[in-house]
Amino acid sequence: KLTGVLDDCLCDIESIDDFNTFKIFPKIQKLQERDYFRYYKVNLKRPCPFWADDGHCSIKDCHVEPCPESKIPVGIKAGSSNKYSKAANNSKELEDCEQASKLGAVNSTLSNQSKEAFIDWARYDDSQDHFCELDDERSPDAQYVDLLLNPERYTGYKGPSAWRVWNSIYEENCFKPRSVYRPLNPLAPSRGGDDGESFYTWLEGLCLEKRVFYKLISGLHASINLHLCANYLLEETWGKPRWGPNVKEFTHRFDPIETKGEGPRRLKNLYFLYLIELRALSKVAPYFERSVVDLYTGNGHEDAESKALLLDIFRDTK
């Protein structure tokens, strides 16, 4: 359990916990159940613009190279040929891939009433000015997903591919020379007895703005890790998965001893990110307070309630 004052600000962790538990979190829970925040449009078929698929597990699917049909026994040709691919030689890898494909699948179930409402939403959105171009919104392959049916949780996406994504995020956005490596980075070369001292010596030498930027990305990373630890696939029996907190996984990622002191730093960065988000909400509040701004879904009563709840959250952040 973290205690004390955060670095680079004067807020203490205990006050932040109380404020979130009793003020913000209950209202956020109610808000995310509203249709305006519940449904999200995204192009799930959009390829990664940075790397070609490397054949390992991914959230969208588990890409396995099939064997030539001539090598498949006649008796099983009606079944799936994927299990006779190169990956079949490594049963553990295949099992992980199948699990990632299943866990990462998006539940796209929507009612007919919701689909009809989206058409009305689109007409309203088309009449508004956008400050940026939303590629996914206008893609013919985009579809709505229900975020209540797709909570943020463990998806089975792990290993070198996942490490590469986060390594690139840190390397390309944190003003860091290539000779400086983050602690516990699995893609970094061995640094002997260096447990991160050189990295934090470098970090403390940066200006406040650059140091803050690193903390924000680290806080986002910690948030994602916490979500997957809190909602983890504990077991799957008779086709009914049991989800819940995974204390072992949490300890592996955040325990001071197992992470050589890095875990508590990650969690403090999450608190720091939370404060920055509260400040952002307080700054954007005047825009939403205008009468011409609606959280439009076509249901006037619910739209009014949603906006009132959102403005209530904004008032708490001031």
Protein backbone atom coordinates (compact mmCIF):
# COMPACT_ATOMS: atom_id res chain seq x y z
CA LYS A 1 0.00 0.00 0.00
CA LEU A 2 1.38 3.36 -1.04
CA THR A 3 1.49 6.32 1.34
CA GLY A 4 2.96 9.78 1.43
CA VAL A 5 3.32 12.69 -0.97
CA LEU A 6 3.78 12.22 -4.71
CA ASP A 7 6.88 13.52 -6.45
CA ASP A 8 6.58 16.76 -8.46
CA CYS A 9 3.31 17.76 -6.71
CA LEU A 10 2.01 18.43 -3.20
CA CYS A 11 -0.82 15.88 -3.09
CA ASP A 12 -0.70 12.91 -0.75
CA ILE A 13 -1.87 9.47 -1.80
CA GLU A 14 -4.34 9.00 1.05
CA SER A 15 -6.29 12.14 0.04
CA ILE A 16 -6.39 11.03 -3.60
CA ASP A 17 -7.71 7.58 -2.59
CA ASP A 18 -10.49 9.09 -0.49
CA PHE A 19 -11.46 11.62 -3.16
CA ASN A 20 -11.68 8.98 -5.87
CA THR A 21 -13.45 6.36 -3.73
CA PHE A 22 -16.20 8.62 -2.40
CA LYS A 23 -16.50 11.34 -5.07
CA ILE A 24 -15.40 10.35 -8.56
CA PHE A 25 -15.52 6.55 -8.91
CA PRO A 26 -19.23 6.00 -8.06
CA LYS A 27 -20.27 8.67 -10.59
CA ILE A 28 -17.92 7.38 -13.28
CA GLN A 29 -19.44 3.92 -12.87
CA LYS A 30 -22.92 5.32 -13.49
CA LEU A 31 -21.75 7.43 -16.42
CA GLN A 32 -20.15 4.54 -18.29
CA GLU A 33 -23.48 2.71 -18.26
CA ARG A 34 -25.08 5.53 -20.29
CA ASP A 35 -25.50 4.84 -23.99
CA TYR A 36 -23.40 7.86 -25.00
CA PHE A 37 -20.32 6.39 -23.28
CA ARG A 38 -21.24 2.74 -23.53
CA TYR A 39 -21.03 2.30 -27.31
CA TYR A 40 -17.82 2.92 -29.22
CA LYS A 41 -17.20 2.84 -32.95
CA VAL A 42 -13.94 1.27 -34.10
CA ASN A 43 -12.42 -0.42 -37.11
CA LEU A 44 -11.31 -3.80 -35.78
CA LYS A 45 -9.98 -4.83 -39.19
CA ARG A 46 -7.51 -1.98 -39.47
CA PRO A 47 -3.94 -3.33 -39.77
CA CYS A 48 -1.10 -2.09 -37.63
CA PRO A 49 0.64 0.76 -39.51
CA PHE A 50 3.97 0.17 -37.79
CA TRP A 51 4.79 -3.54 -38.09
CA ALA A 52 3.84 -6.40 -40.32
CA ASP A 53 2.12 -9.21 -38.48
CA ASP A 54 4.83 -11.47 -37.06
CA GLY A 55 2.72 -14.63 -36.79
CA HIS A 56 2.52 -14.57 -32.99
CA CYS A 57 -0.62 -14.16 -30.93
CA SER A 58 -2.57 -10.97 -31.38
CA ILE A 59 -5.83 -9.65 -30.05
CA LYS A 60 -7.64 -9.88 -33.37
CA ASP A 61 -6.70 -13.42 -34.16
CA CYS A 62 -3.97 -16.04 -33.84
CA HIS A 63 -2.32 -16.20 -37.23
CA VAL A 64 -1.08 -19.73 -37.84
CA GLU A 65 0.42 -20.84 -41.12
CA PRO A 66 -1.53 -23.90 -42.37
CA CYS A 67 0.12 -26.99 -43.79
CA PRO A 68 -0.27 -27.84 -47.46
CA GLU A 69 -3.50 -29.77 -48.00
CA SER A 70 -1.57 -32.69 -49.48
CA LYS A 71 0.02 -33.35 -46.09
CA ILE A 72 -3.25 -33.45 -44.18
CA PRO A 73 -4.64 -36.95 -43.48
CA VAL A 74 -7.82 -37.59 -45.43
CA GLY A 75 -9.78 -38.49 -42.31
CA ILE A 76 -9.45 -35.02 -40.77
CA LYS A 77 -9.67 -32.77 -43.85
CA ALA A 78 -13.13 -31.63 -42.80
CA GLY A 79 -11.63 -30.17 -39.62
CA SER A 80 -9.25 -27.32 -39.03
CA SER A 81 -5.87 -27.60 -40.71
CA ASN A 82 -4.33 -24.91 -38.52
CA LYS A 83 -3.31 -27.38 -35.85
CA TYR A 84 -1.00 -29.01 -38.37
CA SER A 85 1.05 -25.88 -38.87
CA LYS A 86 4.54 -25.09 -37.62
CA ALA A 87 3.04 -23.90 -34.34
CA ALA A 88 1.74 -27.40 -33.68
CA ASN A 89 5.28 -28.45 -32.77
CA ASN A 90 5.03 -26.22 -29.73
CA SER A 91 1.84 -27.16 -27.92
CA LYS A 92 2.32 -24.48 -25.23
CA GLU A 93 2.64 -21.74 -27.85
CA LEU A 94 -0.43 -22.99 -29.70
CA GLU A 95 -2.39 -23.13 -26.46
CA ASP A 96 -1.39 -19.55 -25.64
CA CYS A 97 -2.35 -18.41 -29.14
CA GLU A 98 -5.75 -20.06 -28.94
CA GLN A 99 -6.34 -18.48 -25.54
CA ALA A 100 -5.31 -15.04 -26.79
CA SER A 101 -7.63 -15.36 -29.76
CA LYS A 102 -10.52 -16.31 -27.47
CA LEU A 103 -9.84 -13.75 -24.74
CA GLY A 104 -9.11 -10.93 -27.15
CA ALA A 105 -12.26 -11.46 -29.20
CA VAL A 106 -14.63 -8.51 -29.10
CA ASN A 107 -18.24 -9.18 -28.15
CA SER A 108 -20.06 -7.31 -30.92
CA THR A 109 -23.58 -8.21 -29.78
CA LEU A 110 -25.96 -5.26 -30.19
CA SER A 111 -29.74 -4.97 -30.04
CA ASN A 112 -31.77 -3.80 -33.05
CA GLN A 113 -32.86 -0.80 -30.99
CA SER A 114 -29.22 0.21 -30.47
CA LYS A 115 -28.44 -0.14 -34.18
CA GLU A 116 -31.36 2.13 -35.10
CA ALA A 117 -30.21 4.70 -32.54
CA PHE A 118 -26.70 4.76 -34.07
CA ILE A 119 -28.13 5.88 -37.40
CA ASP A 120 -29.72 8.85 -35.65
CA TRP A 121 -26.46 9.55 -33.81
CA ALA A 122 -24.56 9.60 -37.11
CA ARG A 123 -26.93 12.21 -38.57
CA TYR A 124 -26.42 14.41 -35.52
CA ASP A 125 -22.62 13.99 -35.57
CA ASP A 126 -22.46 14.87 -39.26
CA SER A 127 -24.02 18.24 -38.46
CA GLN A 128 -21.30 19.11 -35.92
CA ASP A 129 -17.85 20.55 -36.50
CA HIS A 130 -14.90 18.25 -35.72
CA PHE A 131 -11.56 19.57 -34.58
CA CYS A 132 -9.76 16.54 -35.99
CA GLU A 133 -10.28 13.73 -38.46
CA LEU A 134 -11.46 10.46 -36.93
CA ASP A 135 -10.33 7.78 -39.34
CA ASP A 136 -12.14 4.90 -37.64
CA GLU A 137 -15.42 6.82 -37.49
CA ARG A 138 -15.57 7.19 -41.27
CA SER A 139 -14.20 3.81 -42.24
CA PRO A 140 -16.68 1.50 -44.02
CA ASP A 141 -15.31 -1.32 -41.87
CA ALA A 142 -16.03 0.48 -38.59
CA GLN A 143 -18.59 -1.02 -36.26
CA TYR A 144 -19.98 -0.25 -32.84
CA VAL A 145 -18.97 -2.28 -29.83
CA ASP A 146 -20.60 -2.38 -26.42
CA LEU A 147 -17.94 -1.48 -23.85
CA LEU A 148 -19.94 -3.08 -21.05
CA LEU A 149 -19.61 -6.40 -22.87
CA ASN A 150 -15.93 -5.71 -23.56
CA PRO A 151 -14.41 -4.53 -20.26
CA GLU A 152 -10.74 -3.73 -19.94
CA ARG A 153 -9.19 -6.98 -18.76
CA TYR A 154 -6.66 -9.70 -19.52
CA THR A 155 -6.67 -10.63 -23.23
CA GLY A 156 -3.83 -13.15 -23.47
CA TYR A 157 -1.71 -10.68 -25.47
CA LYS A 158 1.81 -11.08 -24.13
CA GLY A 159 5.41 -11.90 -24.98
CA PRO A 160 7.83 -10.18 -27.42
CA SER A 161 5.07 -8.55 -29.49
CA ALA A 162 3.60 -6.82 -26.45
CA TRP A 163 7.04 -5.83 -25.18
CA ARG A 164 7.88 -4.33 -28.58
CA VAL A 165 4.78 -2.12 -28.51
CA TRP A 166 5.53 -0.66 -25.09
CA ASN A 167 9.24 -0.36 -25.78
CA SER A 168 8.48 1.72 -28.88
CA ILE A 169 6.06 3.93 -26.95
CA TYR A 170 8.72 4.74 -24.37
CA GLU A 171 11.64 4.96 -26.79
CA GLU A 172 9.92 7.27 -29.27
CA ASN A 173 8.09 9.58 -26.87
CA CYS A 174 10.17 10.10 -23.76
CA PHE A 175 13.09 12.26 -24.97
CA LYS A 176 15.44 9.45 -24.05
CA PRO A 177 18.82 8.66 -25.62
CA ARG A 178 19.26 5.09 -26.87
CA SER A 179 22.01 4.49 -24.33
CA VAL A 180 19.60 4.84 -21.40
CA TYR A 181 17.34 1.86 -20.63
CA ARG A 182 14.23 1.63 -18.49
CA PRO A 183 14.44 -0.67 -15.45
CA LEU A 184 13.16 -4.22 -16.01
CA ASN A 185 12.97 -3.70 -19.77
CA PRO A 186 13.04 -7.25 -21.21
CA LEU A 187 14.36 -5.95 -24.55
CA ALA A 188 17.32 -4.09 -23.00
CA PRO A 189 20.82 -5.63 -22.90
CA SER A 190 22.08 -6.87 -19.56
CA ARG A 191 23.31 -3.99 -17.41
CA GLY A 192 25.03 -5.97 -14.67
CA GLY A 193 24.19 -4.70 -11.19
CA ASP A 194 22.36 -1.58 -12.42
CA ASP A 195 18.84 -1.79 -10.90
CA GLY A 196 17.67 1.38 -12.58
CA GLU A 197 19.89 3.92 -10.81
CA SER A 198 21.33 5.24 -14.08
CA PHE A 199 17.87 5.66 -15.58
CA TYR A 200 16.50 7.65 -12.64
CA THR A 201 19.67 9.72 -12.44
CA TRP A 202 19.05 10.64 -16.07
CA LEU A 203 15.34 11.26 -15.46
CA GLU A 204 15.94 13.63 -12.52
CA GLY A 205 18.24 15.67 -14.76
CA LEU A 206 15.42 16.47 -17.19
CA CYS A 207 13.28 19.57 -17.05
CA LEU A 208 9.92 19.25 -15.29
CA GLU A 209 7.90 19.01 -18.52
CA LYS A 210 9.91 16.09 -19.92
CA ARG A 211 9.92 14.32 -16.57
CA VAL A 212 6.15 14.72 -16.34
CA PHE A 213 5.67 13.31 -19.83
CA TYR A 214 7.50 10.10 -18.88
CA LYS A 215 5.40 9.77 -15.73
CA LEU A 216 2.19 10.08 -17.74
CA ILE A 217 3.14 7.26 -20.09
CA SER A 218 4.33 5.12 -17.17
CA GLY A 219 1.05 5.83 -15.36
CA LEU A 220 -0.96 4.76 -18.41
CA HIS A 221 1.10 1.56 -18.59
CA ALA A 222 0.45 0.89 -14.89
CA SER A 223 -3.28 1.48 -15.38
CA ILE A 224 -3.48 -1.14 -18.12
CA ASN A 225 -1.49 -3.63 -16.02
CA LEU A 226 -3.76 -3.03 -13.03
CA HIS A 227 -6.88 -3.64 -15.11
CA LEU A 228 -5.61 -6.99 -16.37
CA CYS A 229 -4.58 -8.01 -12.83
CA ALA A 230 -7.97 -7.00 -11.43
CA ASN A 231 -9.96 -8.84 -14.11
CA TYR A 232 -7.91 -11.92 -14.98
CA LEU A 233 -9.00 -15.26 -16.38
CA LEU A 234 -8.51 -17.44 -13.30
CA GLU A 235 -9.91 -20.65 -14.76
CA GLU A 236 -12.15 -21.92 -17.51
CA THR A 237 -14.35 -24.93 -16.76
CA TRP A 238 -17.10 -26.32 -18.97
CA GLY A 239 -16.85 -23.30 -21.22
CA LYS A 240 -17.62 -20.84 -18.41
CA PRO A 241 -14.61 -18.66 -17.61
CA ARG A 242 -14.14 -17.36 -14.08
CA TRP A 243 -12.71 -13.85 -13.93
CA GLY A 244 -11.33 -12.12 -10.89
CA PRO A 245 -8.30 -10.50 -9.21
CA ASN A 246 -4.98 -12.22 -9.77
CA VAL A 247 -2.86 -11.39 -6.73
CA LYS A 248 0.15 -13.35 -8.03
CA GLU A 249 0.20 -11.37 -11.28
CA PHE A 250 -0.18 -8.10 -9.37
CA THR A 251 2.72 -9.03 -7.10
CA HIS A 252 4.85 -9.94 -10.11
CA ARG A 253 4.30 -6.51 -11.66
CA PHE A 254 4.23 -4.20 -8.63
CA ASP A 255 5.74 -5.82 -5.52
CA PRO A 256 8.76 -3.77 -4.28
CA ILE A 257 10.92 -6.84 -3.83
CA GLU A 258 10.03 -8.66 -7.06
CA THR A 259 10.41 -5.47 -9.11
CA LYS A 260 13.48 -4.19 -7.25
CA GLY A 261 11.61 -1.07 -6.14
CA GLU A 262 10.18 -0.30 -9.59
CA GLY A 263 6.59 -1.35 -8.78
CA PRO A 264 5.82 1.43 -6.26
CA ARG A 265 7.25 4.00 -8.70
CA ARG A 266 4.86 2.73 -11.38
CA LEU A 267 1.90 3.02 -9.02
CA LYS A 268 2.88 6.56 -8.00
CA ASN A 269 2.99 7.48 -11.66
CA LEU A 270 -0.58 6.19 -11.96
CA TYR A 271 -1.68 8.55 -9.17
CA PHE A 272 0.16 11.37 -10.90
CA LEU A 273 -1.64 10.60 -14.18
CA TYR A 274 -4.96 10.61 -12.31
CA LEU A 275 -4.31 14.13 -11.02
CA ILE A 276 -3.42 15.36 -14.50
CA GLU A 277 -6.66 13.87 -15.84
CA LEU A 278 -8.65 15.66 -13.12
CA ARG A 279 -6.99 18.92 -14.09
CA ALA A 280 -7.85 18.29 -17.75
CA LEU A 281 -11.51 17.66 -16.86
CA SER A 282 -11.71 20.89 -14.88
CA LYS A 283 -10.29 22.82 -17.83
CA VAL A 284 -12.70 21.32 -20.38
CA ALA A 285 -15.76 21.81 -18.15
CA PRO A 286 -16.73 25.26 -19.55
CA TYR A 287 -17.13 23.77 -23.02
CA PHE A 288 -19.65 21.18 -21.84
CA GLU A 289 -21.45 23.64 -19.58
CA ARG A 290 -22.78 25.47 -22.64
CA SER A 291 -26.45 24.81 -23.39
CA VAL A 292 -25.71 24.07 -27.06
CA VAL A 293 -23.57 21.05 -26.15
CA ASP A 294 -25.52 17.79 -25.86
CA LEU A 295 -24.52 14.18 -25.20
CA TYR A 296 -26.81 13.21 -28.01
CA THR A 297 -28.23 9.70 -28.43
CA GLY A 298 -31.78 10.56 -29.45
CA ASN A 299 -33.24 9.82 -26.02
CA GLY A 300 -33.86 13.32 -24.67
CA HIS A 301 -34.50 12.28 -21.06
CA GLU A 302 -31.40 10.10 -20.82
CA ASP A 303 -29.28 12.66 -22.66
CA ALA A 304 -30.20 15.31 -20.09
CA GLU A 305 -29.43 12.97 -17.20
CA SER A 306 -26.10 12.00 -18.74
CA LYS A 307 -25.04 15.62 -19.15
CA ALA A 308 -26.13 16.46 -15.60
CA LEU A 309 -24.05 13.59 -14.24
CA LEU A 310 -21.05 14.62 -16.34
CA LEU A 311 -21.27 18.22 -15.13
CA ASP A 312 -21.52 16.95 -11.57
CA ILE A 313 -18.20 15.16 -12.05
CA PHE A 314 -16.69 18.33 -13.52
CA ARG A 315 -17.78 20.31 -10.44
CA ASP A 316 -16.01 17.79 -8.20
CA THR A 317 -12.75 18.33 -10.09
CA LYS A 318 -12.66 22.08 -9.53
